Each structure stands twice: as structure tokens, then as C-alpha cells.
Amino acid sequence: MTSTSDQTITMFGADWCRDCIRTKKQLDELGIAYTYVDLVADPAAADVAREISGRTNIPVVVYPDASHHVEPTNADVEAKLRELALI
């Protein structure tokens, strides 16, 4: 999915990760455009996610304001999307 450059959300995740599946489903259901970085298909991207978050946990969701969440709850994601006026 693509979106305007100032509203890009990037999610680092993996298909075996239940939290990743949940967050991806939430973004899809809300109709939020985002870039999904599959850490299984692109293992080197795990280093990028770790640099952003300082942790090895996933998903890592990076927002247009350069803030991020690591293993966010649905409520965390929804609150941030509202703060950014994306929903």
C-alpha cells in the first residue's frame, strides 16, 4: 500500500507473530495505508527495526511523526492514529 509521504506508517513484522497479525488486521480494517516490512522475507530489516526501537520485539510500528510503538495494543495504535488525525 502507498500513501502520501508525510503520512506514511511503516510496520515491521512477521507472519508467525500473533501481535503482528493483530496490528496488521487493525490497520487494514481501519483503512490505514502503511508499508509492511516482512522480516521473514527481508531479515536484514530486523536490524533497522532494532535500531528504531532498541529492542528485538515486534511489531514495530513507525508513525509519520517519527514516533513508534513496539508490540502495541490495539488501543495504543488507535490512540496514536487519532492523535495524528488519521482516523
Protein backbone atom coordinates (compact mmCIF):
# COMPACT_ATOMS: atom_id res chain seq x y z
CA MET A 1 0.00 0.00 0.00
CA THR A 2 1.17 3.50 -0.65
CA SER A 3 0.27 6.81 0.91
CA THR A 4 1.44 10.38 0.79
CA SER A 5 4.98 10.82 2.03
CA ASP A 6 4.02 12.84 5.10
CA GLN A 7 1.52 10.25 6.28
CA THR A 8 3.49 7.05 5.83
CA ILE A 9 3.26 4.41 8.53
CA THR A 10 5.77 1.58 8.44
CA MET A 11 5.20 -1.69 10.25
CA PHE A 12 7.99 -4.20 10.77
CA GLY A 13 6.61 -7.66 11.43
CA ALA A 14 6.49 -11.35 10.59
CA ASP A 15 3.68 -13.70 9.61
CA TRP A 16 4.43 -16.02 12.58
CA CYS A 17 3.97 -13.16 15.08
CA ARG A 18 0.47 -13.04 16.58
CA ASP A 19 0.83 -9.40 17.66
CA CYS A 20 1.94 -8.50 14.13
CA ILE A 21 -1.08 -10.26 12.62
CA ARG A 22 -3.39 -8.42 15.04
CA THR A 23 -1.88 -4.99 14.35
CA LYS A 24 -1.86 -5.56 10.58
CA LYS A 25 -5.53 -6.60 10.73
CA GLN A 26 -6.38 -3.48 12.75
CA LEU A 27 -4.67 -1.16 10.24
CA ASP A 28 -6.39 -2.94 7.34
CA GLU A 29 -9.82 -2.74 9.00
CA LEU A 30 -9.34 0.98 9.69
CA GLY A 31 -8.33 1.55 6.07
CA ILE A 32 -4.94 2.95 7.07
CA ALA A 33 -2.29 2.98 4.34
CA TYR A 34 1.03 1.59 5.54
CA THR A 35 4.20 -0.04 4.36
CA TYR A 36 4.66 -3.58 5.68
CA VAL A 37 8.22 -4.80 6.08
CA ASP A 38 8.21 -8.61 6.25
CA LEU A 39 11.15 -9.61 8.43
CA VAL A 40 10.98 -13.19 7.14
CA ALA A 41 11.37 -12.05 3.52
CA ASP A 42 13.87 -9.32 4.48
CA PRO A 43 15.86 -10.49 7.53
CA ALA A 44 18.25 -7.53 7.28
CA ALA A 45 15.31 -5.22 8.03
CA ALA A 46 15.28 -6.67 11.56
CA ASP A 47 18.42 -4.62 12.21
CA VAL A 48 16.55 -1.49 11.09
CA ALA A 49 13.62 -2.30 13.39
CA ARG A 50 16.04 -2.93 16.27
CA GLU A 51 17.80 0.41 15.62
CA ILE A 52 14.45 2.22 15.73
CA SER A 53 13.09 0.51 18.83
CA GLY A 54 16.20 -0.51 20.74
CA ARG A 55 14.52 -3.90 21.20
CA THR A 56 14.08 -7.15 19.33
CA ASN A 57 10.32 -7.33 19.91
CA ILE A 58 7.90 -6.98 17.00
CA PRO A 59 5.82 -5.50 15.60
CA VAL A 60 7.49 -2.13 15.43
CA VAL A 61 5.10 0.50 14.07
CA VAL A 62 6.70 3.77 12.95
CA TYR A 63 4.38 6.76 12.55
CA PRO A 64 4.64 9.82 10.27
CA ASP A 65 5.78 11.98 13.21
CA ALA A 66 8.79 9.62 13.65
CA SER A 67 7.41 8.20 16.91
CA HIS A 68 6.99 4.44 17.21
CA HIS A 69 5.35 1.66 19.15
CA VAL A 70 6.79 -1.76 19.97
CA GLU A 71 4.23 -4.55 20.49
CA PRO A 72 1.39 -2.01 20.74
CA THR A 73 -2.09 -2.88 21.89
CA ASN A 74 -4.97 -2.04 19.56
CA ALA A 75 -5.81 0.82 21.94
CA ASP A 76 -2.24 2.19 21.64
CA VAL A 77 -2.43 2.17 17.84
CA GLU A 78 -5.92 3.69 17.77
CA ALA A 79 -4.93 6.48 20.18
CA LYS A 80 -1.87 7.35 18.07
CA LEU A 81 -3.86 7.32 14.82
CA ARG A 82 -6.40 9.68 16.42
CA GLU A 83 -3.60 11.94 17.68
CA LEU A 84 -2.28 12.14 14.11
CA ALA A 85 -5.83 12.72 12.79
CA LEU A 86 -5.57 9.63 10.57
CA ILE A 87 -8.88 8.24 11.88
